[in-house]
Protein backbone atom coordinates (compact mmCIF):
# COMPACT_ATOMS: atom_id res chain seq x y z
CA MET A 1 65.38 27.01 54.99
CA ALA A 2 65.74 23.55 53.67
CA ARG A 3 62.90 22.43 55.96
CA ARG A 4 60.65 25.05 54.57
CA ASN A 5 61.34 23.96 50.90
CA ALA A 6 60.66 20.40 51.75
CA HIS A 7 57.37 21.38 53.35
CA ALA A 8 56.24 23.29 50.24
CA GLY A 9 57.19 20.50 47.91
CA ALA A 10 55.25 18.02 49.99
CA HIS A 11 52.10 20.27 49.95
CA GLU A 12 52.29 20.71 46.19
CA SER A 13 52.62 16.91 45.62
CA GLU A 14 49.62 16.32 47.84
CA GLU A 15 47.39 18.70 45.71
CA ARG A 16 48.60 17.28 42.31
CA TRP A 17 45.55 14.84 42.32
CA LEU A 18 43.41 17.91 41.87
CA LEU A 19 44.72 18.55 38.45
CA THR A 20 44.13 14.88 37.48
CA TYR A 21 40.66 15.14 38.80
CA ALA A 22 39.93 18.38 37.01
CA ASP A 23 41.14 16.88 33.73
CA MET A 24 38.91 13.85 34.23
CA ILE A 25 35.81 16.08 34.97
CA THR A 26 36.59 18.10 31.76
CA LEU A 27 36.92 15.08 29.68
CA LEU A 28 33.62 13.57 31.02
CA MET A 29 31.87 16.83 30.36
CA ALA A 30 33.14 16.87 26.77
CA LEU A 31 31.99 13.21 26.33
CA PHE A 32 28.38 13.97 27.57
CA MET A 33 28.34 17.10 25.29
CA VAL A 34 29.24 14.92 22.26
CA LEU A 35 26.67 12.15 23.20
CA PHE A 36 24.06 14.85 23.63
CA SER A 37 24.83 16.41 20.27
CA ILE A 38 24.71 12.95 18.42
CA SER A 39 21.38 12.25 20.09
CA SER A 40 19.94 15.61 19.14
CA VAL A 41 20.92 15.12 15.48
CA ASN A 42 19.30 11.70 15.25
CA ILE A 43 16.05 12.81 16.68
CA SER A 44 16.04 15.83 14.39
CA LYS A 45 16.63 13.60 11.42
CA TYR A 46 13.72 11.27 12.45
CA GLN A 47 11.44 14.23 12.96
CA THR A 48 12.36 15.50 9.45
CA LEU A 49 11.66 12.03 8.09
CA GLN A 50 8.22 11.96 9.82
CA GLU A 51 7.34 15.30 8.29
CA ALA A 52 8.39 14.10 4.88
CA LEU A 53 6.17 11.06 5.34
CA LYS A 54 3.22 13.22 6.24
CA ALA A 55 3.81 15.46 3.24
CA ALA A 56 4.24 12.36 1.00
CA PHE A 57 0.82 10.92 2.09
CA SER A 58 -1.07 14.24 2.07
CA GLY A 59 -2.84 15.60 -1.01
CA SER A 60 -0.26 18.44 -1.47
CA VAL A 61 2.25 16.24 -3.39
CA LEU A 62 0.07 13.50 -4.85
CA PRO A 63 -1.68 13.74 -8.29
CA GLY A 64 -5.42 13.78 -8.07
CA GLY A 65 -8.64 15.65 -8.73
CA THR A 66 -12.29 15.31 -7.77
CA SER A 67 -14.00 12.72 -9.86
CA PHE A 68 -14.86 10.60 -6.78
CA GLU A 69 -16.94 13.59 -5.59
CA GLN A 70 -19.24 13.31 -8.66
CA THR A 71 -22.67 12.07 -8.25
CA GLY A 72 -24.69 9.45 -10.15
CA ASN A 73 -27.36 6.78 -9.61
CA SER A 74 -26.33 3.88 -11.90
CA PRO A 75 -23.42 2.35 -13.76
CA SER A 76 -24.37 4.32 -16.90
CA SER A 77 -24.35 7.77 -15.08
CA SER A 78 -22.49 10.03 -17.34
CA HIS A 79 -19.36 11.68 -16.09
CA SER A 80 -15.82 12.10 -17.52
CA PRO A 81 -13.37 9.75 -15.98
CA ALA A 82 -11.26 12.51 -14.57
CA THR A 83 -8.63 12.33 -11.90
CA ALA A 84 -9.62 10.62 -8.60
CA ALA A 85 -9.43 12.38 -5.19
CA GLU A 86 -6.38 11.57 -3.14
CA PRO A 87 -6.72 9.48 -0.05
CA THR A 88 -6.48 11.31 3.33
CA ALA A 89 -3.27 10.62 5.18
CA ILE A 90 -3.46 9.13 8.59
CA VAL A 91 0.04 9.12 10.29
CA PRO A 92 0.55 7.03 13.37
CA SER A 93 2.02 8.38 16.52
CA THR A 94 5.84 8.74 16.78
CA PRO A 95 7.33 5.39 18.00
CA THR A 96 9.74 5.22 21.02
CA LEU A 97 13.29 5.76 19.93
CA GLY A 98 16.06 3.47 21.12
CA THR A 99 18.91 4.41 23.46
CA ASN A 100 20.97 5.64 20.56
CA GLY A 101 18.10 7.96 19.20
CA GLN A 102 17.32 5.67 16.21
CA LEU A 103 14.69 3.08 15.27
CA ASN A 104 15.72 -0.43 15.09
CA SER A 105 15.00 -2.58 11.95
CA SER A 106 11.78 -4.15 13.42
CA GLN A 107 10.46 -0.82 14.39
CA GLN A 108 11.10 0.59 10.93
CA ALA A 109 9.35 -2.43 9.32
CA ALA A 110 6.47 -1.98 11.55
CA LEU A 111 6.14 1.73 10.81
CA ALA A 112 6.22 1.14 7.06
CA ALA A 113 3.64 -1.61 7.25
CA GLN A 114 1.35 0.74 9.40
CA HIS A 115 1.62 3.52 6.91
CA GLN A 116 0.89 1.18 3.95
CA GLN A 117 -2.21 -0.20 5.92
CA TYR A 118 -3.52 3.34 6.41
CA GLN A 119 -2.97 4.16 2.80
CA PHE A 120 -4.90 1.03 1.68
CA GLU A 121 -7.69 2.01 4.06
CA ALA A 122 -7.84 5.47 2.58
CA LEU A 123 -8.04 3.98 -0.95
CA LYS A 124 -10.68 1.60 0.01
CA ALA A 125 -12.77 4.38 1.39
CA GLN A 126 -12.46 6.35 -1.73
CA ILE A 127 -13.51 3.41 -3.97
CA ASP A 128 -16.38 2.48 -1.67
CA LYS A 129 -17.73 6.08 -1.75
CA TYR A 130 -17.57 6.09 -5.62
CA VAL A 131 -19.37 2.59 -5.69
CA ALA A 132 -22.04 3.88 -3.37
CA THR A 133 -22.60 7.16 -5.27
CA HIS A 134 -22.87 5.43 -8.66
CA GLY A 135 -25.11 2.57 -7.64
CA LEU A 136 -22.53 -0.14 -7.99
CA SER A 137 -22.67 -1.63 -4.50
CA GLY A 138 -24.00 -4.97 -5.77
CA SER A 139 -21.31 -5.12 -8.41
CA VAL A 140 -18.09 -3.99 -6.87
CA LYS A 141 -16.68 -5.03 -3.53
CA THR A 142 -13.36 -4.01 -1.75
CA SER A 143 -11.55 -5.72 0.97
CA ILE A 144 -8.06 -5.53 2.70
CA ASP A 145 -6.27 -8.87 3.46
CA PRO A 146 -2.71 -9.84 4.24
CA ASN A 147 -2.00 -9.58 0.46
CA GLY A 148 -3.20 -6.16 0.10
CA LEU A 149 -6.24 -4.19 -1.18
CA GLN A 150 -8.53 -6.31 -3.37
CA ILE A 151 -11.10 -4.75 -5.78
CA ARG A 152 -13.72 -7.35 -6.91
CA ILE A 153 -15.82 -6.58 -9.95
CA LEU A 154 -18.51 -8.75 -11.16
CA SER A 155 -17.94 -9.48 -14.95
CA ASP A 156 -21.57 -9.68 -16.19
CA ARG A 157 -22.98 -6.48 -14.81
CA VAL A 158 -20.04 -4.07 -15.28
CA LEU A 159 -17.25 -5.50 -17.51
CA PHE A 160 -18.13 -8.04 -20.09
CA ALA A 161 -21.01 -9.55 -21.96
CA SER A 162 -21.70 -13.15 -21.50
CA GLY A 163 -18.93 -15.48 -22.76
CA GLN A 164 -16.97 -12.47 -24.05
CA ALA A 165 -13.60 -10.88 -23.13
CA ASN A 166 -14.03 -7.41 -24.75
CA LEU A 167 -14.69 -4.60 -22.17
CA GLN A 168 -18.12 -3.01 -22.41
CA PRO A 169 -18.25 0.85 -22.61
CA ALA A 170 -20.01 1.14 -19.30
CA ALA A 171 -16.72 -0.22 -17.69
CA ALA A 172 -14.58 2.75 -18.75
CA PRO A 173 -15.57 5.31 -16.04
CA LEU A 174 -15.02 2.86 -13.27
CA LEU A 175 -11.80 1.48 -14.46
CA SER A 176 -10.49 4.89 -15.33
CA ASP A 177 -10.88 6.16 -11.72
CA ILE A 178 -9.34 2.97 -10.36
CA ALA A 179 -6.36 3.57 -12.76
CA THR A 180 -5.96 6.97 -11.22
CA LEU A 181 -5.88 5.52 -7.72
CA LEU A 182 -3.37 2.83 -8.91
CA ARG A 183 -1.02 5.65 -10.04
CA VAL A 184 -1.24 7.27 -6.49
CA VAL A 185 0.16 4.16 -4.86
CA SER A 186 2.93 4.19 -7.53
CA LYS A 187 5.24 1.46 -6.21
CA ASN A 188 2.87 -1.43 -5.30
CA PRO A 189 2.61 -4.32 -7.78
CA ILE A 190 -0.87 -4.95 -9.22
CA VAL A 191 -2.18 -8.48 -9.91
CA ILE A 192 -5.33 -8.71 -12.04
CA GLN A 193 -7.15 -12.09 -11.69
CA GLY A 194 -9.87 -13.43 -13.82
CA TYR A 195 -12.49 -16.00 -12.67
CA THR A 196 -15.44 -17.79 -14.30
CA ASP A 197 -18.21 -20.05 -13.07
CA SER A 198 -18.20 -23.87 -13.53
CA ILE A 199 -20.22 -24.08 -16.67
CA PRO A 200 -17.70 -25.21 -19.40
CA THR A 201 -17.09 -23.08 -22.47
CA ASN A 202 -16.03 -24.43 -25.88
CA SER A 203 -15.87 -21.85 -28.49
CA ALA A 204 -13.16 -21.25 -31.18
CA ARG A 205 -11.72 -18.26 -29.29
CA PHE A 206 -12.23 -19.71 -25.77
CA PRO A 207 -11.72 -23.61 -25.78
CA SER A 208 -11.98 -23.60 -22.08
CA ASN A 209 -12.63 -21.35 -19.12
CA TRP A 210 -8.93 -21.06 -18.68
CA TYR A 211 -8.70 -19.08 -21.92
CA LEU A 212 -11.77 -16.95 -20.96
CA SER A 213 -10.58 -15.96 -17.49
CA THR A 214 -7.16 -15.19 -18.59
CA ASP A 215 -8.33 -13.06 -21.59
CA ARG A 216 -10.57 -11.12 -19.30
CA ALA A 217 -7.88 -10.41 -16.84
CA ASN A 218 -5.58 -9.25 -19.85
CA ALA A 219 -8.34 -6.97 -21.10
CA VAL A 220 -8.48 -5.13 -17.87
CA LEU A 221 -4.74 -4.93 -17.76
CA GLN A 222 -4.57 -3.52 -21.30
CA PHE A 223 -7.18 -0.81 -20.23
CA LEU A 224 -4.98 0.11 -17.23
CA LEU A 225 -2.00 0.40 -19.42
CA GLY A 226 -3.76 2.79 -21.72
CA ARG A 227 -4.62 4.90 -18.65
CA GLY A 228 -0.96 5.40 -17.68
CA VAL A 229 -0.36 2.65 -15.10
CA ASN A 230 3.30 1.54 -15.25
CA PRO A 231 3.58 -1.86 -17.03
CA GLN A 232 6.37 -3.04 -14.66
CA ARG A 233 3.81 -3.24 -11.93
CA LEU A 234 1.09 -5.23 -13.81
CA GLY A 235 0.45 -8.89 -14.03
CA ALA A 236 -2.62 -10.94 -15.24
CA GLU A 237 -3.69 -14.32 -14.05
CA GLY A 238 -6.54 -16.69 -15.11
CA TYR A 239 -8.12 -19.07 -12.50
CA ALA A 240 -11.09 -20.34 -14.53
CA SER A 241 -13.61 -21.73 -11.94
CA LEU A 242 -11.12 -22.25 -9.13
CA HIS A 243 -11.73 -20.52 -5.79
CA PRO A 244 -15.48 -19.68 -6.21
CA VAL A 245 -16.83 -17.15 -3.72
CA ALA A 246 -20.35 -18.52 -4.03
CA SER A 247 -22.12 -21.82 -4.92
CA ASN A 248 -22.17 -22.70 -8.66
CA ALA A 249 -25.38 -24.60 -7.97
CA THR A 250 -27.43 -21.48 -8.50
CA ALA A 251 -27.56 -18.71 -11.17
CA ALA A 252 -26.99 -16.06 -8.42
CA GLY A 253 -24.00 -17.85 -7.16
CA ARG A 254 -22.56 -18.39 -10.70
CA ALA A 255 -22.87 -14.54 -11.29
CA GLN A 256 -20.82 -13.92 -8.11
CA ASN A 257 -18.11 -16.30 -9.34
CA ARG A 258 -17.77 -14.56 -12.80
CA ARG A 259 -15.47 -11.76 -11.62
CA VAL A 260 -12.31 -9.86 -12.09
CA VAL A 261 -10.11 -8.92 -9.02
CA ILE A 262 -7.61 -6.08 -9.08
CA GLY A 263 -5.19 -6.69 -6.31
CA ILE A 264 -2.85 -3.98 -5.05
CA GLN A 265 -0.02 -5.85 -3.35
CA ARG A 266 1.74 -4.96 -0.11
CA THR A 267 5.36 -4.04 -0.36
CA ALA A 268 6.02 -3.63 3.41
CA GLY A 269 4.27 -6.65 4.91
CA ALA A 270 0.96 -6.70 6.78
CA PRO A 271 0.59 -5.22 10.32
CA GLN A 272 0.87 -7.73 13.12
CA THR A 273 -2.76 -7.37 14.00
CA GLN A 274 -3.79 -8.36 10.45
CA SER A 275 -5.51 -11.63 9.78
CA THR A 276 -3.27 -14.32 8.50
CA THR A 277 -5.64 -15.82 5.96
CA THR A 278 -3.98 -15.99 2.50
CA ILE A 279 -5.30 -16.39 -1.07
CA GLN A 280 -4.44 -19.65 -2.74
CA PRO A 281 -1.98 -19.50 -5.55
CA GLY A 282 -3.34 -19.43 -9.06
CA VAL A 283 -2.37 -20.94 -12.33
CA ALA A 284 -2.46 -19.96 -16.00
CA ALA A 285 -0.65 -16.71 -15.39
CA ALA A 286 0.21 -14.16 -18.02
CA ASN A 287 2.51 -11.53 -16.81
CA VAL A 288 3.53 -8.26 -18.32
CA PRO A 289 7.37 -7.81 -18.20
């Protein structure tokens, strides 16, 4: 009898490892379930974020109208400066998630920069369409550089009379629609730059080209303020005859140099594929607080 009990006890002790093994398998299964649950939540949150970004860049939540669809033949074509059409959203493909189901900081920065680039391209397309429709292709040019979206407007043909800093009535429709677009990109800083040619000016109001270029930039700034652009975003700078875009030796070149540039600045950095050319810093700045 004693031998039988001893044999049963030995058999039970030999199988005790099965209990430990079963406990370990149970714990591992619970761990994998928790990891899978965490990964699923993060991916779900990212997908929700992506949908929110798509909605934010779509016309369903942005203010706007149809003034860029209007037709015309010249700068004086009559139309009411209504609300401009919203840019069409272009959302890049979903980036690869990390092992923890989340984007790292560099991926997040790249995604933000790419979204901003697409938004600038959509705005540029809207402005170019307006310019072509209203016969302003020789007076208004747009470009995208590492600083942001630049809207260059020749002073003589659209904005100001010669040697003056008061906006002409013909400038109102164009600037009104630009103001609408500036409200669409509601967080980007806006820098307005005034330039002149190299011919000196010496009047009571404008003792030099520095005064003239700065006052012209401020005149555009005040117009945008009157159209609802947030003053916290605006700044005005006068460059006089610095940084010409054409030769001052000819009348045509000087006309190109007399210009105002409305720059919508980047907030998320330029995409890595963007050119690294930069605009030289200016002087005689007059910023709105």
